[in-house]
Amino acid sequence: MGFRVGQGLIERLTKDSPSFKDELDIMKFVCKDFWTKVFRRQVDNLRTNHQGTYVLQDNKFALLTQLSSGKQYLDQAPKYLAFSCGVVRGALSNLGLDSVVTAEVAVMRHVNSK
């Protein structure tokens, strides 16, 4: 489901954009424009090994931040991550990049809300 959502979103976001010159240009667009439209903020960090591997780091990923405010929803986190990975993979696919998108959560803390 996320894959199809990502395809549709990227079609709308790039309809008036000039074509991208290379893979890094596409990834910069995903980190700034696409991520902002989908998750309401830019990624915190983009790294690459210059061999086709990119790491996008979001230290305050909106979907998980919301889930961490209540322990009863923490078991749902993998579903949100899988959907999000699908969204990114669908977007990249429509931009001409076949990819494998995975998510890694370093720390998931329960946040007490007052």
N, C-alpha and C. Protein backbone atom coordinates (compact mmCIF):
# COMPACT_ATOMS: atom_id res chain seq x y z
N MET A 1 0.82 -1.19 0.00
CA MET A 1 0.00 0.00 0.00
C MET A 1 0.87 1.26 0.00
N GLY A 2 1.92 1.27 0.82
CA GLY A 2 2.82 2.42 0.87
C GLY A 2 3.49 2.70 -0.46
N PHE A 3 3.84 1.64 -1.17
CA PHE A 3 4.50 1.78 -2.47
C PHE A 3 3.62 2.60 -3.42
N ARG A 4 2.35 2.24 -3.51
CA ARG A 4 1.43 2.94 -4.41
C ARG A 4 1.22 4.39 -3.96
N VAL A 5 1.14 4.61 -2.67
CA VAL A 5 0.99 5.97 -2.15
C VAL A 5 2.21 6.81 -2.54
N GLY A 6 3.40 6.24 -2.38
CA GLY A 6 4.63 6.95 -2.74
C GLY A 6 4.67 7.29 -4.22
N GLN A 7 4.23 6.36 -5.06
CA GLN A 7 4.20 6.62 -6.50
C GLN A 7 3.28 7.80 -6.82
N GLY A 8 2.11 7.82 -6.22
CA GLY A 8 1.15 8.89 -6.48
C GLY A 8 1.63 10.23 -5.98
N LEU A 9 2.20 10.24 -4.78
CA LEU A 9 2.69 11.50 -4.21
C LEU A 9 3.81 12.10 -5.05
N ILE A 10 4.75 11.27 -5.46
CA ILE A 10 5.89 11.80 -6.21
C ILE A 10 5.46 12.29 -7.59
N GLU A 11 4.44 11.67 -8.17
CA GLU A 11 3.92 12.16 -9.45
C GLU A 11 3.42 13.59 -9.31
N ARG A 12 2.67 13.84 -8.24
CA ARG A 12 2.13 15.18 -8.03
C ARG A 12 3.21 16.18 -7.69
N LEU A 13 4.19 15.77 -6.92
CA LEU A 13 5.23 16.70 -6.48
C LEU A 13 6.22 17.07 -7.58
N THR A 14 6.38 16.20 -8.56
CA THR A 14 7.40 16.45 -9.59
C THR A 14 6.80 16.86 -10.93
N LYS A 15 5.49 17.01 -11.02
CA LYS A 15 4.88 17.30 -12.32
C LYS A 15 5.39 18.60 -12.93
N ASP A 16 5.76 19.58 -12.12
CA ASP A 16 6.26 20.85 -12.64
C ASP A 16 7.76 21.03 -12.43
N SER A 17 8.43 19.98 -12.01
CA SER A 17 9.87 20.06 -11.73
C SER A 17 10.68 19.67 -12.95
N PRO A 18 11.84 20.28 -13.10
CA PRO A 18 12.73 19.82 -14.18
C PRO A 18 13.26 18.42 -13.83
N SER A 19 13.74 17.71 -14.84
CA SER A 19 14.24 16.36 -14.58
C SER A 19 15.51 16.43 -13.73
N PHE A 20 15.75 15.35 -13.02
CA PHE A 20 16.91 15.29 -12.13
C PHE A 20 18.13 14.84 -12.93
N LYS A 21 19.29 15.38 -12.57
CA LYS A 21 20.49 15.07 -13.36
C LYS A 21 21.14 13.76 -12.95
N ASP A 22 20.99 13.35 -11.69
CA ASP A 22 21.59 12.09 -11.25
C ASP A 22 20.92 11.58 -9.98
N GLU A 23 21.41 10.44 -9.51
CA GLU A 23 20.87 9.78 -8.32
C GLU A 23 20.93 10.68 -7.09
N LEU A 24 22.05 11.35 -6.90
CA LEU A 24 22.21 12.22 -5.73
C LEU A 24 21.20 13.37 -5.78
N ASP A 25 20.96 13.90 -6.94
CA ASP A 25 19.97 14.97 -7.12
C ASP A 25 18.58 14.48 -6.71
N ILE A 26 18.24 13.25 -7.09
CA ILE A 26 16.96 12.65 -6.70
C ILE A 26 16.89 12.51 -5.18
N MET A 27 17.96 12.01 -4.57
CA MET A 27 17.95 11.81 -3.12
C MET A 27 17.84 13.13 -2.37
N LYS A 28 18.46 14.17 -2.87
CA LYS A 28 18.33 15.49 -2.24
C LYS A 28 16.88 15.97 -2.30
N PHE A 29 16.23 15.75 -3.43
CA PHE A 29 14.83 16.11 -3.57
C PHE A 29 13.97 15.33 -2.57
N VAL A 30 14.23 14.04 -2.45
CA VAL A 30 13.48 13.20 -1.53
C VAL A 30 13.67 13.69 -0.09
N CYS A 31 14.89 14.05 0.26
CA CYS A 31 15.19 14.49 1.63
C CYS A 31 14.57 15.84 1.98
N LYS A 32 14.52 16.72 1.03
CA LYS A 32 14.02 18.06 1.30
C LYS A 32 12.54 18.17 0.98
N ASP A 33 12.20 18.12 -0.27
CA ASP A 33 10.83 18.39 -0.71
C ASP A 33 9.85 17.25 -0.39
N PHE A 34 10.19 16.04 -0.81
CA PHE A 34 9.28 14.91 -0.60
C PHE A 34 9.07 14.63 0.89
N TRP A 35 10.15 14.52 1.63
CA TRP A 35 10.05 14.21 3.06
C TRP A 35 9.24 15.29 3.78
N THR A 36 9.44 16.54 3.41
CA THR A 36 8.71 17.64 4.03
C THR A 36 7.22 17.53 3.75
N LYS A 37 6.85 17.21 2.53
CA LYS A 37 5.43 17.06 2.19
C LYS A 37 4.79 15.88 2.91
N VAL A 38 5.52 14.80 3.01
CA VAL A 38 4.95 13.58 3.60
C VAL A 38 5.02 13.58 5.12
N PHE A 39 6.16 13.99 5.68
CA PHE A 39 6.38 13.87 7.12
C PHE A 39 6.52 15.22 7.84
N ARG A 40 6.28 16.30 7.13
CA ARG A 40 6.24 17.66 7.68
C ARG A 40 7.57 18.19 8.22
N ARG A 41 8.67 17.62 7.75
CA ARG A 41 9.99 18.13 8.10
C ARG A 41 11.02 17.50 7.17
N GLN A 42 12.17 18.16 7.03
CA GLN A 42 13.24 17.59 6.23
C GLN A 42 13.97 16.52 7.05
N VAL A 43 14.69 15.64 6.37
CA VAL A 43 15.50 14.68 7.11
C VAL A 43 16.63 15.43 7.81
N ASP A 44 17.13 14.85 8.88
CA ASP A 44 18.21 15.49 9.63
C ASP A 44 19.56 15.30 8.97
N ASN A 45 19.72 14.19 8.25
CA ASN A 45 21.03 13.90 7.68
C ASN A 45 20.87 12.96 6.49
N LEU A 46 21.65 13.21 5.45
CA LEU A 46 21.73 12.32 4.30
C LEU A 46 23.19 11.93 4.13
N ARG A 47 23.43 10.63 4.14
CA ARG A 47 24.80 10.13 3.92
C ARG A 47 24.79 9.14 2.77
N THR A 48 25.92 9.03 2.10
CA THR A 48 26.06 8.06 1.02
C THR A 48 27.47 7.48 1.02
N ASN A 49 27.59 6.27 0.50
CA ASN A 49 28.91 5.67 0.34
C ASN A 49 29.39 5.86 -1.11
N HIS A 50 28.63 6.60 -1.90
CA HIS A 50 28.92 6.88 -3.32
C HIS A 50 28.96 5.60 -4.16
N GLN A 51 28.31 4.55 -3.66
CA GLN A 51 28.21 3.30 -4.41
C GLN A 51 26.75 2.84 -4.46
N GLY A 52 25.83 3.81 -4.33
CA GLY A 52 24.42 3.49 -4.44
C GLY A 52 23.68 3.29 -3.13
N THR A 53 24.37 3.45 -2.02
CA THR A 53 23.71 3.31 -0.72
C THR A 53 23.55 4.68 -0.09
N TYR A 54 22.32 4.97 0.31
CA TYR A 54 22.01 6.24 0.96
C TYR A 54 21.36 5.98 2.29
N VAL A 55 21.70 6.79 3.28
CA VAL A 55 21.11 6.69 4.60
C VAL A 55 20.45 8.03 4.91
N LEU A 56 19.14 7.99 5.11
CA LEU A 56 18.39 9.18 5.48
C LEU A 56 18.11 9.07 6.97
N GLN A 57 18.47 10.08 7.72
CA GLN A 57 18.29 10.04 9.16
C GLN A 57 17.28 11.10 9.58
N ASP A 58 16.25 10.66 10.29
CA ASP A 58 15.23 11.54 10.84
C ASP A 58 15.15 11.26 12.33
N ASN A 59 15.69 12.17 13.12
CA ASN A 59 15.78 11.97 14.57
C ASN A 59 14.45 12.15 15.30
N LYS A 60 13.49 12.76 14.63
CA LYS A 60 12.18 12.98 15.24
C LYS A 60 11.09 12.54 14.26
N PHE A 61 11.18 11.32 13.81
CA PHE A 61 10.25 10.79 12.82
C PHE A 61 8.82 10.90 13.35
N ALA A 62 8.01 11.68 12.67
CA ALA A 62 6.69 12.07 13.16
C ALA A 62 5.81 10.88 13.55
N LEU A 63 5.77 9.84 12.75
CA LEU A 63 4.89 8.72 13.07
C LEU A 63 5.30 8.01 14.34
N LEU A 64 6.59 7.85 14.57
CA LEU A 64 7.04 7.17 15.78
C LEU A 64 6.97 8.08 17.00
N THR A 65 7.17 9.36 16.81
CA THR A 65 7.07 10.31 17.93
C THR A 65 5.67 10.25 18.51
N GLN A 66 4.67 10.20 17.64
CA GLN A 66 3.29 10.11 18.10
C GLN A 66 3.03 8.79 18.84
N LEU A 67 3.55 7.71 18.30
CA LEU A 67 3.33 6.40 18.93
C LEU A 67 4.00 6.28 20.28
N SER A 68 5.14 6.92 20.45
CA SER A 68 5.89 6.76 21.70
C SER A 68 5.24 7.49 22.87
N SER A 69 4.19 8.27 22.61
CA SER A 69 3.52 8.97 23.71
C SER A 69 2.58 8.04 24.48
N GLY A 70 2.34 6.85 23.99
CA GLY A 70 1.49 5.90 24.72
C GLY A 70 1.98 4.48 24.52
N LYS A 71 2.25 3.78 25.60
CA LYS A 71 2.79 2.43 25.51
C LYS A 71 1.89 1.46 24.75
N GLN A 72 0.58 1.67 24.81
CA GLN A 72 -0.34 0.73 24.17
C GLN A 72 -0.19 0.68 22.66
N TYR A 73 0.46 1.67 22.05
CA TYR A 73 0.59 1.70 20.59
C TYR A 73 1.98 1.30 20.09
N LEU A 74 2.91 1.06 20.97
CA LEU A 74 4.28 0.75 20.54
C LEU A 74 4.35 -0.49 19.65
N ASP A 75 3.46 -1.45 19.88
CA ASP A 75 3.48 -2.67 19.07
C ASP A 75 3.05 -2.40 17.62
N GLN A 76 2.49 -1.23 17.35
CA GLN A 76 2.08 -0.87 16.00
C GLN A 76 3.21 -0.23 15.19
N ALA A 77 4.30 0.12 15.84
CA ALA A 77 5.41 0.82 15.18
C ALA A 77 5.92 0.10 13.93
N PRO A 78 6.11 -1.22 13.94
CA PRO A 78 6.61 -1.88 12.72
C PRO A 78 5.71 -1.67 11.50
N LYS A 79 4.40 -1.60 11.70
CA LYS A 79 3.48 -1.37 10.58
C LYS A 79 3.69 0.01 9.99
N TYR A 80 3.87 1.01 10.84
CA TYR A 80 4.09 2.38 10.36
C TYR A 80 5.43 2.48 9.63
N LEU A 81 6.42 1.78 10.13
CA LEU A 81 7.72 1.80 9.47
C LEU A 81 7.66 1.11 8.11
N ALA A 82 6.97 -0.02 8.03
CA ALA A 82 6.84 -0.74 6.77
C ALA A 82 6.10 0.11 5.74
N PHE A 83 5.04 0.78 6.15
CA PHE A 83 4.30 1.65 5.25
C PHE A 83 5.19 2.79 4.77
N SER A 84 5.93 3.39 5.69
CA SER A 84 6.82 4.51 5.34
C SER A 84 7.91 4.08 4.37
N CYS A 85 8.48 2.91 4.59
CA CYS A 85 9.49 2.38 3.66
C CYS A 85 8.88 2.18 2.28
N GLY A 86 7.64 1.69 2.23
CA GLY A 86 6.95 1.51 0.97
C GLY A 86 6.71 2.83 0.25
N VAL A 87 6.38 3.87 1.01
CA VAL A 87 6.16 5.20 0.42
C VAL A 87 7.44 5.69 -0.25
N VAL A 88 8.54 5.56 0.44
CA VAL A 88 9.83 6.02 -0.11
C VAL A 88 10.22 5.17 -1.32
N ARG A 89 10.05 3.87 -1.21
CA ARG A 89 10.40 2.98 -2.33
C ARG A 89 9.54 3.26 -3.56
N GLY A 90 8.26 3.52 -3.35
CA GLY A 90 7.37 3.86 -4.47
C GLY A 90 7.78 5.15 -5.14
N ALA A 91 8.14 6.14 -4.33
CA ALA A 91 8.58 7.43 -4.88
C ALA A 91 9.85 7.24 -5.70
N LEU A 92 10.81 6.52 -5.15
CA LEU A 92 12.07 6.29 -5.86
C LEU A 92 11.84 5.50 -7.15
N SER A 93 10.93 4.55 -7.10
CA SER A 93 10.62 3.75 -8.29
C SER A 93 10.09 4.64 -9.40
N ASN A 94 9.19 5.55 -9.07
CA ASN A 94 8.63 6.44 -10.08
C ASN A 94 9.67 7.43 -10.62
N LEU A 95 10.72 7.65 -9.85
CA LEU A 95 11.80 8.52 -10.30
C LEU A 95 12.88 7.75 -11.04
N GLY A 96 12.65 6.44 -11.25
CA GLY A 96 13.57 5.63 -12.05
C GLY A 96 14.63 4.89 -11.25
N LEU A 97 14.49 4.85 -9.93
CA LEU A 97 15.47 4.15 -9.10
C LEU A 97 14.84 2.91 -8.48
N ASP A 98 15.36 1.74 -8.84
CA ASP A 98 14.95 0.52 -8.14
C ASP A 98 15.71 0.50 -6.83
N SER A 99 15.01 0.21 -5.74
CA SER A 99 15.69 0.32 -4.44
C SER A 99 15.17 -0.70 -3.45
N VAL A 100 15.95 -0.88 -2.42
CA VAL A 100 15.54 -1.61 -1.24
C VAL A 100 15.55 -0.58 -0.12
N VAL A 101 14.42 -0.41 0.53
CA VAL A 101 14.30 0.60 1.59
C VAL A 101 14.02 -0.11 2.90
N THR A 102 14.87 0.12 3.89
CA THR A 102 14.67 -0.47 5.20
C THR A 102 14.68 0.64 6.25
N ALA A 103 14.14 0.34 7.40
CA ALA A 103 14.12 1.30 8.51
C ALA A 103 14.85 0.70 9.69
N GLU A 104 15.51 1.56 10.42
CA GLU A 104 16.20 1.14 11.64
C GLU A 104 15.87 2.15 12.73
N VAL A 105 15.47 1.63 13.87
CA VAL A 105 15.17 2.49 15.01
C VAL A 105 16.22 2.23 16.07
N ALA A 106 17.01 3.26 16.36
CA ALA A 106 18.08 3.09 17.35
C ALA A 106 17.50 3.03 18.75
N VAL A 107 16.61 3.94 19.08
CA VAL A 107 16.01 3.99 20.42
C VAL A 107 14.55 4.38 20.29
N MET A 108 13.70 3.66 20.96
CA MET A 108 12.27 3.99 20.99
C MET A 108 11.91 4.18 22.46
N ARG A 109 11.74 5.40 22.85
CA ARG A 109 11.47 5.70 24.25
C ARG A 109 10.01 6.06 24.43
N HIS A 110 9.47 5.65 25.57
CA HIS A 110 8.14 6.07 25.94
C HIS A 110 8.25 7.49 26.49
N VAL A 111 7.44 8.37 25.95
CA VAL A 111 7.46 9.76 26.39
C VAL A 111 6.21 10.00 27.21
N ASN A 112 6.42 10.47 28.44
CA ASN A 112 5.26 10.80 29.28
C ASN A 112 4.64 12.09 28.81
N SER A 113 3.34 12.07 28.55
CA SER A 113 2.66 13.29 28.19
C SER A 113 1.91 13.81 29.39
N LYS A 114 1.94 15.11 29.53
CA LYS A 114 1.30 15.70 30.70
C LYS A 114 0.02 16.38 30.32
